[in-house]
C-alpha atoms as a PDB file:
ATOM      1  CA  UNK A   1      -1.922  -9.354  -5.311  1.00  0.00           C
ATOM      2  CA  UNK A   2      -5.145 -10.109  -3.346  1.00  0.00           C
ATOM      3  CA  UNK A   3      -3.005 -11.293  -0.385  1.00  0.00           C
ATOM      4  CA  UNK A   4      -0.711  -8.181  -0.734  1.00  0.00           C
ATOM      5  CA  UNK A   5      -3.792  -6.088  -0.387  1.00  0.00           C
ATOM      6  CA  UNK A   6      -4.584  -7.478   3.186  1.00  0.00           C
ATOM      7  CA  UNK A   7      -0.898  -8.057   4.080  1.00  0.00           C
ATOM      8  CA  UNK A   8      -1.152  -4.956   6.450  1.00  0.00           C
ATOM      9  CA  UNK A   9      -3.669  -6.866   8.735  1.00  0.00           C
ATOM     10  CA  UNK A  10      -1.983 -10.391   8.326  1.00  0.00           C
ATOM     11  CA  UNK A  11       1.594  -9.664   8.909  1.00  0.00           C
ATOM     12  CA  UNK A  12       1.678  -8.874  12.674  1.00  0.00           C
ATOM     13  CA  UNK A  13      -0.691 -11.572  13.936  1.00  0.00           C
ATOM     14  CA  UNK A  14       1.010 -14.306  11.898  1.00  0.00           C
ATOM     15  CA  UNK A  15       4.452 -13.071  13.029  1.00  0.00           C
ATOM     16  CA  UNK A  16       3.336 -13.308  16.673  1.00  0.00           C
ATOM     17  CA  UNK A  17       2.121 -17.067  16.137  1.00  0.00           C
ATOM     18  CA  UNK A  18       5.686 -17.943  14.806  1.00  0.00           C
ATOM     19  CA  UNK A  19       6.663 -17.868  18.463  1.00  0.00           C
ATOM     20  CA  UNK A  20       3.889 -19.871  19.720  1.00  0.00           C
ATOM     21  CA  UNK A  21       4.770 -22.723  22.371  1.00  0.00           C
ATOM     22  CA  UNK A  22       2.833 -25.211  20.330  1.00  0.00           C
ATOM     23  CA  UNK A  23       4.940 -26.931  17.746  1.00  0.00           C
ATOM     24  CA  UNK A  24       2.106 -27.370  15.297  1.00  0.00           C
ATOM     25  CA  UNK A  25       1.004 -23.829  15.605  1.00  0.00           C
ATOM     26  CA  UNK A  26       4.570 -22.435  15.105  1.00  0.00           C
ATOM     27  CA  UNK A  27       5.208 -24.629  12.078  1.00  0.00           C
ATOM     28  CA  UNK A  28       1.902 -23.531  10.404  1.00  0.00           C
ATOM     29  CA  UNK A  29       2.629 -19.969  11.274  1.00  0.00           C
ATOM     30  CA  UNK A  30       6.193 -19.996   9.761  1.00  0.00           C
ATOM     31  CA  UNK A  31       4.783 -21.697   6.659  1.00  0.00           C
ATOM     32  CA  UNK A  32       1.999 -18.996   6.394  1.00  0.00           C
ATOM     33  CA  UNK A  33       4.542 -16.147   7.071  1.00  0.00           C
ATOM     34  CA  UNK A  34       6.743 -17.325   4.327  1.00  0.00           C
ATOM     35  CA  UNK A  35       3.829 -17.517   1.918  1.00  0.00           C
ATOM     36  CA  UNK A  36       2.429 -14.011   2.681  1.00  0.00           C
ATOM     37  CA  UNK A  37       5.921 -12.415   2.600  1.00  0.00           C
ATOM     38  CA  UNK A  38       6.156 -13.569  -0.916  1.00  0.00           C
ATOM     39  CA  UNK A  39       3.281 -11.506  -1.899  1.00  0.00           C
ATOM     40  CA  UNK A  40       4.969  -8.173  -1.406  1.00  0.00           C
ATOM     41  CA  UNK A  41       5.683  -7.808  -5.221  1.00  0.00           C
ATOM     42  CA  UNK A  42       8.946  -6.027  -4.331  1.00  0.00           C
ATOM     43  CA  UNK A  43      12.113  -7.446  -6.156  1.00  0.00           C
ATOM     44  CA  UNK A  44      14.422  -5.480  -3.973  1.00  0.00           C
ATOM     45  CA  UNK A  45      13.134  -7.199  -0.818  1.00  0.00           C
ATOM     46  CA  UNK A  46      13.038 -10.786  -2.206  1.00  0.00           C
ATOM     47  CA  UNK A  47      16.460 -11.922  -1.189  1.00  0.00           C
ATOM     48  CA  UNK A  48      15.907 -10.640   2.397  1.00  0.00           C
ATOM     49  CA  UNK A  49      12.482 -12.176   2.969  1.00  0.00           C
ATOM     50  CA  UNK A  50      13.795 -15.587   4.448  1.00  0.00           C
ATOM     51  CA  UNK A  51      15.639 -13.551   7.176  1.00  0.00           C
ATOM     52  CA  UNK A  52      12.315 -11.595   7.761  1.00  0.00           C
ATOM     53  CA  UNK A  53      10.610 -14.850   8.529  1.00  0.00           C
ATOM     54  CA  UNK A  54      13.349 -15.914  10.852  1.00  0.00           C
ATOM     55  CA  UNK A  55      13.363 -12.634  12.584  1.00  0.00           C
ATOM     56  CA  UNK A  56       9.721 -13.058  13.547  1.00  0.00           C
ATOM     57  CA  UNK A  57      10.736 -16.146  15.384  1.00  0.00           C
ATOM     58  CA  UNK A  58      13.276 -14.851  17.826  1.00  0.00           C
ATOM     59  CA  UNK A  59      14.922 -11.655  18.949  1.00  0.00           C
ATOM     60  CA  UNK A  60      18.309 -12.816  18.127  1.00  0.00           C
ATOM     61  CA  UNK A  61      17.362 -13.381  14.482  1.00  0.00           C
ATOM     62  CA  UNK A  62      15.816  -9.861  14.610  1.00  0.00           C
ATOM     63  CA  UNK A  63      19.153  -8.272  15.240  1.00  0.00           C
ATOM     64  CA  UNK A  64      20.763 -10.184  12.253  1.00  0.00           C
ATOM     65  CA  UNK A  65      17.768  -9.390  10.004  1.00  0.00           C
ATOM     66  CA  UNK A  66      17.981  -5.694  10.754  1.00  0.00           C
ATOM     67  CA  UNK A  67      21.618  -5.653   9.919  1.00  0.00           C
ATOM     68  CA  UNK A  68      21.044  -7.353   6.510  1.00  0.00           C
ATOM     69  CA  UNK A  69      18.056  -5.147   5.614  1.00  0.00           C
ATOM     70  CA  UNK A  70      20.202  -2.024   6.182  1.00  0.00           C
ATOM     71  CA  UNK A  71      22.089  -3.097   3.193  1.00  0.00           C
ATOM     72  CA  UNK A  72      19.073  -3.424   0.902  1.00  0.00           C
ATOM     73  CA  UNK A  73      19.060  -0.859  -1.850  1.00  0.00           C
ATOM     74  CA  UNK A  74      15.489   0.087  -2.701  1.00  0.00           C
ATOM     75  CA  UNK A  75      15.050   1.008  -6.367  1.00  0.00           C
ATOM     76  CA  UNK A  76      11.570  -0.249  -7.018  1.00  0.00           C
ATOM     77  CA  UNK A  77       8.508   1.716  -6.092  1.00  0.00           C
ATOM     78  CA  UNK A  78       7.676   0.654  -2.436  1.00  0.00           C
ATOM     79  CA  UNK A  79       4.098  -0.100  -1.920  1.00  0.00           C
ATOM     80  CA  UNK A  80       1.864  -1.095   1.092  1.00  0.00           C
ATOM     81  CA  UNK A  81       2.616  -4.815   0.841  1.00  0.00           C
ATOM     82  CA  UNK A  82       6.300  -4.291   1.146  1.00  0.00           C
ATOM     83  CA  UNK A  83       5.905  -1.886   4.078  1.00  0.00           C
ATOM     84  CA  UNK A  84       3.545  -4.206   5.799  1.00  0.00           C
ATOM     85  CA  UNK A  85       5.934  -7.196   5.524  1.00  0.00           C
ATOM     86  CA  UNK A  86       8.406  -5.228   7.328  1.00  0.00           C
ATOM     87  CA  UNK A  87       6.378  -4.286  10.284  1.00  0.00           C
ATOM     88  CA  UNK A  88       7.137  -7.273  12.428  1.00  0.00           C
ATOM     89  CA  UNK A  89      10.865  -6.788  12.122  1.00  0.00           C
ATOM     90  CA  UNK A  90      10.644  -2.996  12.521  1.00  0.00           C
ATOM     91  CA  UNK A  91       8.225  -3.148  15.443  1.00  0.00           C
ATOM     92  CA  UNK A  92      10.497  -5.429  17.368  1.00  0.00           C
ATOM     93  CA  UNK A  93      13.666  -3.546  16.389  1.00  0.00           C
ATOM     94  CA  UNK A  94      12.324  -0.162  17.219  1.00  0.00           C
ATOM     95  CA  UNK A  95      11.229  -1.633  20.715  1.00  0.00           C
ATOM     96  CA  UNK A  96      14.721  -3.096  21.327  1.00  0.00           C
ATOM     97  CA  UNK A  97      16.956  -1.836  24.161  1.00  0.00           C
ATOM     98  CA  UNK A  98      19.971  -1.611  22.020  1.00  0.00           C
ATOM     99  CA  UNK A  99      20.221   1.787  20.463  1.00  0.00           C
ATOM    100  CA  UNK A 100      22.249   0.742  17.408  1.00  0.00           C
ATOM    101  CA  UNK A 101      19.361  -1.663  16.494  1.00  0.00           C
ATOM    102  CA  UNK A 102      16.822   1.248  16.784  1.00  0.00           C
ATOM    103  CA  UNK A 103      19.206   3.439  14.707  1.00  0.00           C
ATOM    104  CA  UNK A 104      19.382   0.828  11.964  1.00  0.00           C
ATOM    105  CA  UNK A 105      15.607   0.332  12.016  1.00  0.00           C
ATOM    106  CA  UNK A 106      15.247   4.086  11.440  1.00  0.00           C
ATOM    107  CA  UNK A 107      17.703   3.916   8.588  1.00  0.00           C
ATOM    108  CA  UNK A 108      15.479   1.107   6.911  1.00  0.00           C
ATOM    109  CA  UNK A 109      12.410   3.326   7.282  1.00  0.00           C
ATOM    110  CA  UNK A 110      14.087   6.273   5.716  1.00  0.00           C
ATOM    111  CA  UNK A 111      15.437   4.194   2.859  1.00  0.00           C
ATOM    112  CA  UNK A 112      12.175   2.545   2.110  1.00  0.00           C
ATOM    113  CA  UNK A 113      10.041   5.819   2.376  1.00  0.00           C
ATOM    114  CA  UNK A 114      12.202   7.645   0.081  1.00  0.00           C
ATOM    115  CA  UNK A 115      11.164   5.640  -2.832  1.00  0.00           C
ATOM    116  CA  UNK A 116       7.315   5.526  -2.009  1.00  0.00           C
ATOM    117  CA  UNK A 117       5.527   7.066  -5.080  1.00  0.00           C
ATOM    118  CA  UNK A 118       1.920   7.003  -3.835  1.00  0.00           C
ATOM    119  CA  UNK A 119       1.303   8.792  -0.415  1.00  0.00           C
ATOM    120  CA  UNK A 120      -1.622   6.533   0.152  1.00  0.00           C
ATOM    121  CA  UNK A 121       0.557   3.435   0.262  1.00  0.00           C
ATOM    122  CA  UNK A 122       2.003   4.694   3.707  1.00  0.00           C
ATOM    123  CA  UNK A 123      -1.406   5.498   5.363  1.00  0.00           C
ATOM    124  CA  UNK A 124      -2.090   1.814   6.463  1.00  0.00           C
ATOM    125  CA  UNK A 125       1.131   1.364   8.212  1.00  0.00           C
ATOM    126  CA  UNK A 126       1.247   4.897   9.857  1.00  0.00           C
ATOM    127  CA  UNK A 127      -0.761   4.218  12.978  1.00  0.00           C
ATOM    128  CA  UNK A 128       1.793   1.439  13.990  1.00  0.00           C
ATOM    129  CA  UNK A 129       5.026   2.690  12.661  1.00  0.00           C
ATOM    130  CA  UNK A 130       4.930   6.459  13.317  1.00  0.00           C
ATOM    131  CA  UNK A 131       4.483   6.199  17.075  1.00  0.00           C
ATOM    132  CA  UNK A 132       7.492   3.798  17.253  1.00  0.00           C
ATOM    133  CA  UNK A 133       9.705   6.135  15.187  1.00  0.00           C
ATOM    134  CA  UNK A 134       8.653   9.062  17.419  1.00  0.00           C
ATOM    135  CA  UNK A 135       9.374   7.110  20.560  1.00  0.00           C
ATOM    136  CA  UNK A 136      12.998   6.438  19.064  1.00  0.00           C
ATOM    137  CA  UNK A 137      13.358  10.169  18.622  1.00  0.00           C
ATOM    138  CA  UNK A 138      12.301  10.902  22.147  1.00  0.00           C
ATOM    139  CA  UNK A 139      14.213   7.947  23.984  1.00  0.00           C
ATOM    140  CA  UNK A 140      17.683   7.669  22.179  1.00  0.00           C
ATOM    141  CA  UNK A 141      20.529   9.230  23.979  1.00  0.00           C
ATOM    142  CA  UNK A 142      23.072   9.082  21.335  1.00  0.00           C
ATOM    143  CA  UNK A 143      22.951  12.231  19.171  1.00  0.00           C
ATOM    144  CA  UNK A 144      23.857  10.678  15.925  1.00  0.00           C
ATOM    145  CA  UNK A 145      21.289   7.856  16.577  1.00  0.00           C
ATOM    146  CA  UNK A 146      18.648  10.398  17.432  1.00  0.00           C
ATOM    147  CA  UNK A 147      19.421  12.375  14.372  1.00  0.00           C
ATOM    148  CA  UNK A 148      18.906   9.297  12.220  1.00  0.00           C
ATOM    149  CA  UNK A 149      15.519   8.712  13.923  1.00  0.00           C
ATOM    150  CA  UNK A 150      14.549  12.470  13.276  1.00  0.00           C
ATOM    151  CA  UNK A 151      15.406  12.059   9.677  1.00  0.00           C
ATOM    152  CA  UNK A 152      13.398   8.770   9.403  1.00  0.00           C
ATOM    153  CA  UNK A 153      10.358  10.422  11.082  1.00  0.00           C
ATOM    154  CA  UNK A 154      10.585  13.353   8.748  1.00  0.00           C
ATOM    155  CA  UNK A 155      10.827  11.037   5.560  1.00  0.00           C
ATOM    156  CA  UNK A 156       8.022   8.905   6.849  1.00  0.00           C
ATOM    157  CA  UNK A 157       5.564  11.797   7.410  1.00  0.00           C
ATOM    158  CA  UNK A 158       6.742  13.586   4.119  1.00  0.00           C
ATOM    159  CA  UNK A 159       6.029  10.229   2.180  1.00  0.00           C
ATOM    160  CA  UNK A 160       2.390  10.235   3.492  1.00  0.00           C
ATOM    161  CA  UNK A 161       1.795  14.088   2.597  1.00  0.00           C
ATOM    162  CA  UNK A 162      -1.110  14.791   0.281  1.00  0.00           C
ATOM    163  CA  UNK A 163      -2.435  11.176   0.574  1.00  0.00           C
ATOM    164  CA  UNK A 164      -5.975  10.758  -0.595  1.00  0.00           C
ATOM    165  CA  UNK A 165      -7.795   7.454  -0.561  1.00  0.00           C
ATOM    166  CA  UNK A 166     -11.375   6.624  -1.363  1.00  0.00           C
ATOM    167  CA  UNK A 167     -12.989   3.222  -0.863  1.00  0.00           C
ATOM    168  CA  UNK A 168     -15.898   2.008  -3.213  1.00  0.00           C
ATOM    169  CA  UNK A 169     -18.434  -0.224  -1.607  1.00  0.00           C
ATOM    170  CA  UNK A 170     -20.503  -2.980  -3.120  1.00  0.00           C
ATOM    171  CA  UNK A 171     -23.768  -0.705  -3.204  1.00  0.00           C
ATOM    172  CA  UNK A 172     -21.992   2.006  -5.371  1.00  0.00           C
ATOM    173  CA  UNK A 173     -20.607  -0.723  -7.672  1.00  0.00           C
ATOM    174  CA  UNK A 174     -24.062  -2.399  -7.975  1.00  0.00           C
ATOM    175  CA  UNK A 175     -25.535   0.949  -8.890  1.00  0.00           C
ATOM    176  CA  UNK A 176     -22.871   1.383 -11.660  1.00  0.00           C
ATOM    177  CA  UNK A 177     -23.494  -2.213 -13.032  1.00  0.00           C
ATOM    178  CA  UNK A 178     -27.346  -1.660 -13.299  1.00  0.00           C
ATOM    179  CA  UNK A 179     -26.731   1.716 -15.047  1.00  0.00           C
ATOM    180  CA  UNK A 180     -24.430   0.136 -17.524  1.00  0.00           C
ATOM    181  CA  UNK A 181     -26.686  -2.803 -18.207  1.00  0.00           C
ATOM    182  CA  UNK A 182     -29.832  -0.625 -18.652  1.00  0.00           C
ATOM    183  CA  UNK A 183     -32.670  -2.727 -20.084  1.00  0.00           C
ATOM    184  CA  UNK A 184     -30.630  -5.912 -19.625  1.00  0.00           C
ATOM    185  CA  UNK A 185     -30.980  -5.649 -15.865  1.00  0.00           C
ATOM    186  CA  UNK A 186     -33.813  -8.108 -15.419  1.00  0.00           C
ATOM    187  CA  UNK A 187     -34.339  -7.512 -11.685  1.00  0.00           C
ATOM    188  CA  UNK A 188     -35.324 -11.142 -10.789  1.00  0.00           C
ATOM    189  CA  UNK A 189     -33.864 -12.872  -7.745  1.00  0.00           C
ATOM    190  CA  UNK A 190     -31.036 -14.710  -9.759  1.00  0.00           C
ATOM    191  CA  UNK A 191     -30.098 -11.560 -11.466  1.00  0.00           C
ATOM    192  CA  UNK A 192     -29.891  -9.739  -8.154  1.00  0.00           C
ATOM    193  CA  UNK A 193     -27.883 -12.334  -6.509  1.00  0.00           C
ATOM    194  CA  UNK A 194     -25.281 -12.578  -9.382  1.00  0.00           C
ATOM    195  CA  UNK A 195     -25.199  -8.774  -9.838  1.00  0.00           C
ATOM    196  CA  UNK A 196     -24.369  -8.437  -5.996  1.00  0.00           C
ATOM    197  CA  UNK A 197     -21.555 -10.976  -6.422  1.00  0.00           C
ATOM    198  CA  UNK A 198     -20.116  -9.360  -9.489  1.00  0.00           C
ATOM    199  CA  UNK A 199     -20.388  -5.902  -7.634  1.00  0.00           C
ATOM    200  CA  UNK A 200     -18.407  -7.277  -4.772  1.00  0.00           C
ATOM    201  CA  UNK A 201     -15.714  -8.396  -7.190  1.00  0.00           C
ATOM    202  CA  UNK A 202     -15.737  -5.080  -8.894  1.00  0.00           C
ATOM    203  CA  UNK A 203     -15.506  -3.207  -5.495  1.00  0.00           C
ATOM    204  CA  UNK A 204     -12.542  -5.408  -4.312  1.00  0.00           C
ATOM    205  CA  UNK A 205     -10.546  -4.838  -7.717  1.00  0.00           C
ATOM    206  CA  UNK A 206     -11.145  -1.174  -7.501  1.00  0.00           C
ATOM    207  CA  UNK A 207      -9.969  -0.871  -3.743  1.00  0.00           C
ATOM    208  CA  UNK A 208      -7.011  -2.834  -4.776  1.00  0.00           C
ATOM    209  CA  UNK A 209      -6.339  -0.270  -7.517  1.00  0.00           C
ATOM    210  CA  UNK A 210      -6.333  -3.070  -9.927  1.00  0.00           C
ATOM    211  CA  UNK A 211      -7.651  -1.824 -13.356  1.00  0.00           C
ATOM    212  CA  UNK A 212      -6.063  -4.214 -15.810  1.00  0.00           C
ATOM    213  CA  UNK A 213      -8.587  -4.720 -18.618  1.00  0.00           C
ATOM    214  CA  UNK A 214      -7.726  -8.403 -19.112  1.00  0.00           C
ATOM    215  CA  UNK A 215      -7.949  -9.111 -15.452  1.00  0.00           C
ATOM    216  CA  UNK A 216     -11.448  -7.482 -15.212  1.00  0.00           C
ATOM    217  CA  UNK A 217     -12.643  -9.490 -18.125  1.00  0.00           C
ATOM    218  CA  UNK A 218     -11.486 -12.755 -16.667  1.00  0.00           C
ATOM    219  CA  UNK A 219     -12.213 -12.161 -13.003  1.00  0.00           C
ATOM    220  CA  UNK A 220     -14.961  -9.575 -12.707  1.00  0.00           C
ATOM    221  CA  UNK A 221     -17.185  -9.742 -15.746  1.00  0.00           C
ATOM    222  CA  UNK A 222     -17.364 -13.603 -15.556  1.00  0.00           C
ATOM    223  CA  UNK A 223     -21.063 -14.154 -16.761  1.00  0.00           C
ATOM    224  CA  UNK A 224     -23.257 -12.517 -19.335  1.00  0.00           C
ATOM    225  CA  UNK A 225     -24.754  -9.937 -19.445  1.00  0.00           C
ATOM    226  CA  UNK A 226     -22.104  -8.572 -17.052  1.00  0.00           C
ATOM    227  CA  UNK A 227     -19.415  -9.541 -19.462  1.00  0.00           C
ATOM    228  CA  UNK A 228     -20.806  -7.296 -22.108  1.00  0.00           C
ATOM    229  CA  UNK A 229     -20.351  -4.173 -20.124  1.00  0.00           C
ATOM    230  CA  UNK A 230     -17.036  -5.084 -18.241  1.00  0.00           C
ATOM    231  CA  UNK A 231     -14.930  -2.305 -19.856  1.00  0.00           C
ATOM    232  CA  UNK A 232     -17.671   0.334 -19.385  1.00  0.00           C
ATOM    233  CA  UNK A 233     -17.869  -0.753 -15.649  1.00  0.00           C
ATOM    234  CA  UNK A 234     -14.053  -0.737 -15.163  1.00  0.00           C
ATOM    235  CA  UNK A 235     -13.748   2.743 -16.500  1.00  0.00           C
ATOM    236  CA  UNK A 236     -16.527   4.018 -14.333  1.00  0.00           C
ATOM    237  CA  UNK A 237     -15.144   2.278 -11.201  1.00  0.00           C
ATOM    238  CA  UNK A 238     -11.793   3.823 -11.695  1.00  0.00           C
ATOM    239  CA  UNK A 239     -13.361   7.238 -11.950  1.00  0.00           C
ATOM    240  CA  UNK A 240     -15.366   6.428  -8.784  1.00  0.00           C
ATOM    241  CA  UNK A 241     -12.252   5.570  -6.881  1.00  0.00           C
ATOM    242  CA  UNK A 242     -10.558   8.928  -7.419  1.00  0.00           C
ATOM    243  CA  UNK A 243     -11.020  11.441  -4.514  1.00  0.00           C
ATOM    244  CA  UNK A 244     -13.105  14.500  -5.438  1.00  0.00           C
ATOM    245  CA  UNK A 245     -10.760  17.186  -6.478  1.00  0.00           C
ATOM    246  CA  UNK A 246     -11.223  20.835  -5.363  1.00  0.00           C
ATOM    247  CA  UNK A 247     -13.426  22.762  -7.717  1.00  0.00           C
ATOM    248  CA  UNK A 248     -11.575  25.646  -9.241  1.00  0.00           C
ATOM    249  CA  UNK A 249     -12.836  28.596 -11.113  1.00  0.00           C
ATOM    250  CA  UNK A 250     -12.298  28.085 -14.959  1.00  0.00           C
ATOM    251  CA  UNK A 251     -10.704  30.961 -16.788  1.00  0.00           C
ATOM    252  CA  UNK A 252     -12.268  30.650 -20.161  1.00  0.00           C
ATOM    253  CA  UNK A 253     -10.360  33.459 -21.779  1.00  0.00           C
ATOM    254  CA  UNK A 254      -7.258  32.784 -23.748  1.00  0.00           C
ATOM    255  CA  UNK A 255      -5.846  29.628 -25.425  1.00  0.00           C
ATOM    256  CA  UNK A 256      -4.902  26.617 -23.285  1.00  0.00           C
ATOM    257  CA  UNK A 257      -1.247  25.716 -23.688  1.00  0.00           C
ATOM    258  CA  UNK A 258      -1.067  22.947 -21.111  1.00  0.00           C
ATOM    259  CA  UNK A 259      -3.519  21.740 -18.505  1.00  0.00           C
ATOM    260  CA  UNK A 260      -2.590  18.657 -16.296  1.00  0.00           C
ATOM    261  CA  UNK A 261      -0.412  17.314 -13.429  1.00  0.00           C
ATOM    262  CA  UNK A 262       3.277  16.297 -13.193  1.00  0.00           C
ATOM    263  CA  UNK A 263       5.693  15.065 -10.665  1.00  0.00           C
ATOM    264  CA  UNK A 264       9.268  16.027 -10.393  1.00  0.00           C
ATOM    265  CA  UNK A 265      12.215  14.226  -8.534  1.00  0.00           C
ATOM    266  CA  UNK A 266      15.851  14.639  -8.061  1.00  0.00           C
ATOM    267  CA  UNK A 267      17.495  11.159  -7.432  1.00  0.00           C
ATOM    268  CA  UNK A 268      15.364   9.601  -4.697  1.00  0.00           C
ATOM    269  CA  UNK A 269      14.195  13.043  -3.396  1.00  0.00           C
ATOM    270  CA  UNK A 270      10.647  13.811  -4.568  1.00  0.00           C
ATOM    271  CA  UNK A 271      10.380  17.708  -5.133  1.00  0.00           C
ATOM    272  CA  UNK A 272       6.859  17.877  -6.628  1.00  0.00           C
ATOM    273  CA  UNK A 273       4.166  15.133  -6.640  1.00  0.00           C
ATOM    274  CA  UNK A 274       1.001  15.357  -8.742  1.00  0.00           C
ATOM    275  CA  UNK A 275       1.326  19.108  -9.025  1.00  0.00           C
ATOM    276  CA  UNK A 276      -1.467  20.602 -11.100  1.00  0.00           C
ATOM    277  CA  UNK A 277      -0.472  23.281 -13.814  1.00  0.00           C
ATOM    278  CA  UNK A 278      -2.651  25.200 -16.155  1.00  0.00           C
ATOM    279  CA  UNK A 279      -0.986  27.370 -18.748  1.00  0.00           C
ATOM    280  CA  UNK A 280      -2.649  29.893 -20.978  1.00  0.00           C
ATOM    281  CA  UNK A 281      -1.352  32.155 -23.725  1.00  0.00           C
ATOM    282  CA  UNK A 282      -1.106  35.786 -22.725  1.00  0.00           C
END
């Protein structure tokens, strides 16, 4: 999951090195590409990943990979690592001269983005992918292919609607650690050095949206006294990672029947996502 978190920055540079003229560099890049592609966490993509690695190495393999990916049925929630792993293939395919290849790439984008649950998952790949799909809409002459590109662009943009992300840095994490420790925060040099290290671990886990209790106990609160406040810290960091919600005027009159948020989908079509609802009697 740690590699998956940074896959969006790794995939393209590593894919480019798989075409390097130096044999040693190419072999190392292919090995690296294979390893990082296995960090997507997406079961639907797993059978196609060997073809993704091959596609990074030559344009001929790209055409074959695009055809295979078009047959992938996405059921599992698509997250950032899976989208990032597809960037080398989609970038090359959407820049291809053959319109049918571009059309098929748009179909893949459409299929993947339909099952994105968290809009924030799409944001890291938008700067690279959105311009390519827009260019396909503008340049394709075939009406049917252009219609597919327009649909893919609409699905891509819709999947990112309402995305809110917030990064928590080491400084904020360190402040929460010291608050949680209270009098146990000694303040000497050894404590400060260890606290900063634990704060870095906590900030990284938070920004990865990893809040598993056992994982925090084993990999964040690794030493006393920090291990004594791990659960308290985890809960506070999870709250700190949430974007500030709009402050609404509270109607104190009447009895609350329901207050919360919900999502609604029909098949693969998301109708409502994290919609707030507050019901009162009378």
